[in-house]
Protein backbone atom coordinates (compact mmCIF):
# COMPACT_ATOMS: atom_id res chain seq x y z
CA MET A 1 -86.05 -6.85 152.43
CA THR A 2 -84.16 -9.96 153.34
CA ILE A 3 -81.90 -11.81 150.87
CA ASP A 4 -81.86 -15.57 151.00
CA ARG A 5 -78.16 -16.56 151.01
CA ARG A 6 -78.76 -20.26 151.40
CA PRO A 7 -77.38 -22.47 148.58
CA PRO A 8 -80.02 -23.77 146.18
CA SER A 9 -81.27 -27.27 146.71
CA MET A 10 -81.19 -30.05 144.17
CA GLU A 11 -84.87 -29.57 143.46
CA ASP A 12 -84.29 -25.89 142.62
CA ILE A 13 -81.35 -26.75 140.31
CA ALA A 14 -83.40 -29.40 138.51
CA ALA A 15 -86.31 -26.98 138.08
CA ARG A 16 -84.02 -24.26 136.64
CA LEU A 17 -82.39 -26.73 134.22
CA ALA A 18 -85.80 -27.97 133.05
CA ALA A 19 -86.97 -24.41 132.46
CA LYS A 20 -83.78 -23.60 130.51
CA VAL A 21 -84.14 -26.70 128.33
CA ALA A 22 -87.78 -25.86 127.67
CA LEU A 23 -86.79 -22.33 126.65
CA ASN A 24 -83.69 -23.05 124.50
CA GLY A 25 -84.34 -26.61 123.41
CA THR A 26 -81.95 -29.59 123.48
CA ARG A 27 -78.53 -29.29 121.76
CA ALA A 28 -78.15 -31.36 118.63
CA ASP A 29 -74.67 -32.61 119.69
CA PHE A 30 -75.73 -33.44 123.23
CA GLN A 31 -74.15 -36.68 124.37
CA THR A 32 -75.21 -38.86 127.23
CA THR A 33 -72.78 -40.13 129.81
CA GLN A 34 -72.78 -43.57 128.22
CA THR A 35 -71.89 -42.11 124.79
CA ALA A 36 -69.08 -40.00 126.29
CA GLN A 37 -67.66 -43.06 128.02
CA SER A 38 -67.73 -45.07 124.78
CA ASP A 39 -65.90 -42.22 122.93
CA SER A 40 -63.31 -42.08 125.70
CA ALA A 41 -62.77 -45.83 125.37
CA LEU A 42 -62.32 -45.47 121.60
CA ARG A 43 -59.77 -42.68 122.03
CA ARG A 44 -57.85 -44.74 124.56
CA ALA A 45 -57.80 -47.75 122.26
CA ARG A 46 -56.62 -45.59 119.33
CA SER A 47 -53.88 -44.08 121.50
CA LEU A 48 -52.67 -47.50 122.58
CA ARG A 49 -52.78 -48.73 118.98
CA HIS A 50 -50.85 -45.85 117.41
CA CYS A 51 -48.92 -43.85 120.03
CA HIS A 52 -47.66 -46.60 122.31
CA ARG A 53 -46.65 -49.19 119.78
CA PRO A 54 -42.89 -49.87 119.40
CA ALA A 55 -41.15 -47.87 116.69
CA ALA A 56 -40.43 -49.74 113.49
CA ARG A 57 -36.77 -50.61 113.12
CA LYS A 58 -35.03 -49.16 110.10
CA PRO A 59 -33.17 -51.60 107.86
CA ARG A 60 -29.49 -51.76 108.74
CA HIS A 61 -26.80 -51.35 106.13
CA PRO A 62 -23.71 -53.54 106.09
CA SER A 63 -20.78 -52.18 108.09
CA PRO A 64 -18.13 -50.41 105.97
CA ARG A 65 -14.88 -52.25 105.47
CA ASP A 66 -11.75 -51.00 107.18
CA THR A 67 -9.72 -49.31 104.44
CA GLY A 68 -7.33 -47.40 106.68
CA ALA A 69 -8.55 -44.04 105.34
CA TYR A 70 -9.04 -41.24 107.84
CA VAL A 71 -10.09 -37.60 107.97
CA PRO A 72 -7.15 -35.28 108.69
CA GLU A 73 -7.27 -32.39 111.11
CA THR A 74 -9.96 -29.83 110.36
CA ALA A 75 -10.84 -26.54 111.98
CA ALA A 76 -13.46 -26.57 114.74
CA ARG A 77 -15.09 -23.60 113.05
CA ILE A 78 -17.05 -25.90 110.76
CA GLU A 79 -18.64 -27.55 113.80
CA ASP A 80 -19.61 -24.20 115.34
CA ASP A 81 -21.01 -22.63 112.17
CA ARG A 82 -24.80 -22.51 112.52
CA ASN A 83 -25.21 -21.64 108.85
CA LEU A 84 -24.29 -25.22 107.92
CA THR A 85 -26.41 -28.32 108.25
CA ASP A 86 -25.11 -31.59 109.65
CA GLY A 87 -25.10 -33.00 106.12
CA ALA A 88 -22.94 -30.13 104.88
CA ARG A 89 -20.44 -30.75 107.69
CA ARG A 90 -20.29 -34.43 106.78
CA CYS A 91 -19.78 -33.50 103.14
CA ALA A 92 -16.93 -31.18 104.13
CA ARG A 93 -15.18 -33.94 106.06
CA LYS A 94 -15.53 -36.27 103.09
CA LEU A 95 -14.02 -33.61 100.81
CA VAL A 96 -11.08 -33.12 103.18
CA GLU A 97 -10.47 -36.87 103.23
CA TYR A 98 -10.61 -37.09 99.43
CA VAL A 99 -8.33 -34.09 98.79
CA TYR A 100 -5.88 -35.25 101.46
CA ARG A 101 -5.42 -38.56 99.64
CA ARG A 102 -5.37 -37.13 96.11
CA ASN A 103 -3.49 -33.85 96.26
CA ARG A 104 -2.49 -32.70 99.70
CA GLU A 105 0.15 -30.33 98.31
CA GLY A 106 -2.18 -28.33 96.06
CA ARG A 107 -5.23 -28.86 98.31
CA GLU A 108 -7.50 -29.28 95.31
CA ALA A 109 -8.77 -32.30 93.45
CA LYS A 110 -11.21 -33.29 90.74
CA ILE A 111 -14.36 -34.90 92.03
CA THR A 112 -17.85 -35.65 90.76
CA VAL A 113 -21.22 -35.23 92.38
CA THR A 114 -21.94 -38.89 91.60
CA TYR A 115 -19.01 -39.94 93.82
CA LEU A 116 -20.30 -37.78 96.68
CA MET A 117 -23.79 -39.25 96.21
CA LYS A 118 -22.46 -42.76 96.70
CA ALA A 119 -20.12 -41.78 99.54
CA LEU A 120 -22.75 -39.86 101.52
CA GLY A 121 -25.81 -41.89 100.54
CA ARG A 122 -27.74 -38.79 99.48
CA SER A 123 -29.49 -37.62 96.33
CA ARG A 124 -27.92 -35.39 93.70
CA ARG A 125 -29.88 -32.30 94.71
CA THR A 126 -28.99 -32.79 98.37
CA VAL A 127 -25.27 -33.04 97.59
CA GLN A 128 -25.51 -29.93 95.42
CA ARG A 129 -27.12 -28.06 98.33
CA TYR A 130 -24.28 -29.18 100.60
CA LEU A 131 -21.69 -27.86 98.14
CA ARG A 132 -23.54 -24.54 97.75
CA GLN A 133 -23.60 -24.08 101.53
CA LEU A 134 -19.89 -24.77 101.88
CA GLU A 135 -19.08 -22.47 98.96
CA ARG A 136 -21.30 -19.69 100.27
CA GLU A 137 -19.65 -19.75 103.71
CA GLY A 138 -16.13 -19.72 102.20
CA TYR A 139 -14.99 -23.25 103.09
CA ILE A 140 -14.44 -24.46 99.52
CA ASP A 141 -13.94 -22.98 96.08
CA VAL A 142 -15.70 -24.79 93.24
CA HIS A 143 -14.66 -24.71 89.58
CA VAL A 144 -16.10 -26.61 86.63
CA VAL A 145 -13.78 -28.84 84.57
CA PRO A 146 -15.00 -28.76 80.95
CA SER A 147 -14.31 -31.49 78.44
CA GLU A 148 -11.86 -30.76 75.64
CA ARG A 149 -13.88 -32.78 73.11
CA THR A 150 -17.46 -31.88 73.95
CA ARG A 151 -19.29 -28.90 75.37
CA MET A 152 -20.08 -30.74 78.57
CA CYS A 153 -18.23 -30.90 81.88
CA PHE A 154 -16.92 -34.13 83.36
CA GLY A 155 -16.44 -33.08 86.96
CA LEU A 156 -15.71 -30.40 89.51
CA LEU A 157 -12.44 -29.03 90.80
CA ILE A 158 -12.84 -28.32 94.51
CA ARG A 159 -10.22 -26.40 96.43
CA LEU A 160 -10.16 -26.32 100.22
CA MET A 161 -10.02 -22.82 101.69
CA ASN A 162 -8.30 -21.69 104.90
CA PRO A 163 -11.41 -21.61 107.16
CA LEU A 164 -11.69 -25.40 106.74
CA ILE A 165 -8.07 -26.11 107.72
CA PRO A 166 -6.65 -25.58 111.23
CA ARG A 167 -4.26 -22.69 111.64
CA HIS A 168 -1.19 -24.82 112.35
CA ARG A 169 -1.75 -26.82 109.12
CA ARG A 170 -2.53 -23.98 106.74
CA HIS A 171 1.02 -23.68 105.47
CA LYS A 172 1.55 -27.40 104.80
CA TRP A 173 0.06 -30.79 105.47
CA PRO A 174 2.32 -33.68 106.55
CA GLU A 175 4.02 -35.34 103.61
CA LYS A 176 3.16 -38.83 102.49
CA ALA A 177 5.15 -41.68 103.92
CA GLY A 178 7.16 -43.17 101.05
CA ASN A 179 10.49 -44.51 99.93
CA PRO A 180 12.83 -41.58 99.18
CA ASP A 181 14.83 -43.76 96.72
CA ALA A 182 11.78 -44.71 94.66
CA THR A 183 11.57 -43.59 91.03
CA ARG A 184 9.59 -40.43 90.46
CA GLU A 185 6.35 -40.50 88.53
CA SER A 186 6.65 -40.50 84.77
CA GLN A 187 6.08 -37.21 82.95
CA ILE A 188 4.83 -38.83 79.75
CA ASN A 189 1.20 -37.99 80.45
CA SER A 190 1.90 -34.70 82.19
CA SER A 191 -0.19 -32.84 79.60
CA ARG A 192 -3.27 -34.60 80.90
CA LEU A 193 -2.73 -32.96 84.25
CA LYS A 194 -3.05 -29.49 82.74
CA ILE A 195 -6.78 -29.04 83.02
CA ARG A 196 -8.82 -25.98 82.23
CA LYS A 197 -11.06 -24.80 85.04
CA ILE A 198 -13.97 -22.39 84.77
CA PRO A 199 -15.73 -20.63 87.68
CA ARG A 200 -19.18 -21.99 88.35
CA HIS A 201 -21.06 -18.74 87.62
CA VAL A 202 -19.24 -18.44 84.29
CA TRP A 203 -20.20 -22.02 83.42
CA ASP A 204 -23.83 -21.25 84.28
CA PHE A 205 -23.69 -18.30 81.88
CA LEU A 206 -22.18 -20.41 79.09
CA CYS A 207 -24.80 -23.14 79.55
CA SER A 208 -27.63 -20.62 79.30
CA GLN A 209 -26.43 -19.20 75.99
CA GLY A 210 -28.04 -21.98 73.93
CA VAL A 211 -31.42 -21.35 75.55
CA TRP A 212 -30.99 -17.61 75.05
CA ARG A 213 -30.19 -18.00 71.34
CA SER A 214 -33.24 -20.22 70.85
CA TYR A 215 -35.39 -17.66 72.61
CA MET A 216 -34.08 -14.81 70.48
CA LYS A 217 -35.05 -16.73 67.32
CA THR A 218 -38.69 -16.80 68.43
CA LEU A 219 -38.93 -13.02 68.68
CA PRO A 220 -40.51 -11.18 65.72
CA PRO A 221 -38.23 -8.92 63.69
CA LEU A 222 -38.05 -5.29 64.58
CA PRO A 223 -40.25 -2.93 62.57
CA ALA A 224 -38.59 -1.00 59.79
CA ILE A 225 -37.36 2.47 60.58
CA PRO A 226 -39.44 5.05 58.72
CA VAL A 227 -37.43 7.14 56.32
CA THR A 228 -38.18 10.83 56.33
CA VAL A 229 -37.50 12.85 53.21
């Protein structure tokens, strides 16, 4: 028995294709060459219209004015910490700048989330996430400053921790340039500087007490204890 190893001719291929179509039928989604070319042209036009168009320019903000403020030396650890986002690093640098100007001796200062919102151009929740990241990684210590007249707080007391400050500056920051013969600050309002600070988790507990008391009022009273004679 001899095996024909010659390649099939075009007539044989056409006959096999016709027999297969007659057996299985024509596909419902069968496209002709002209239809495929038109779809390819549509895809190319859509790609040119959407993917290759120039990117829209974002609106530019006015340049900040030169105030002479600067960020003092900070540890490079904050740049190498992968647990922090770029926004949290920027928030840390803004905190260092603020504390350096306000209270470089005590390395803590009162600040509000509203101020950080305006300084960073971010929402309140985003700034709160930045602060939680820095507090979780040990770069800052956050306390709540309650009001003496109401039950609300009027700001935060943020203290810079050692991991945020370079090793050669941990003992002391450079002193402010001033006139040594100038009169010292008045102590008349020194009592206003004595603020009461509360840890954040304690403040969360105190704020939840009102909700807890309201919830306890909705519970039915306990059943009476049966008296056995």
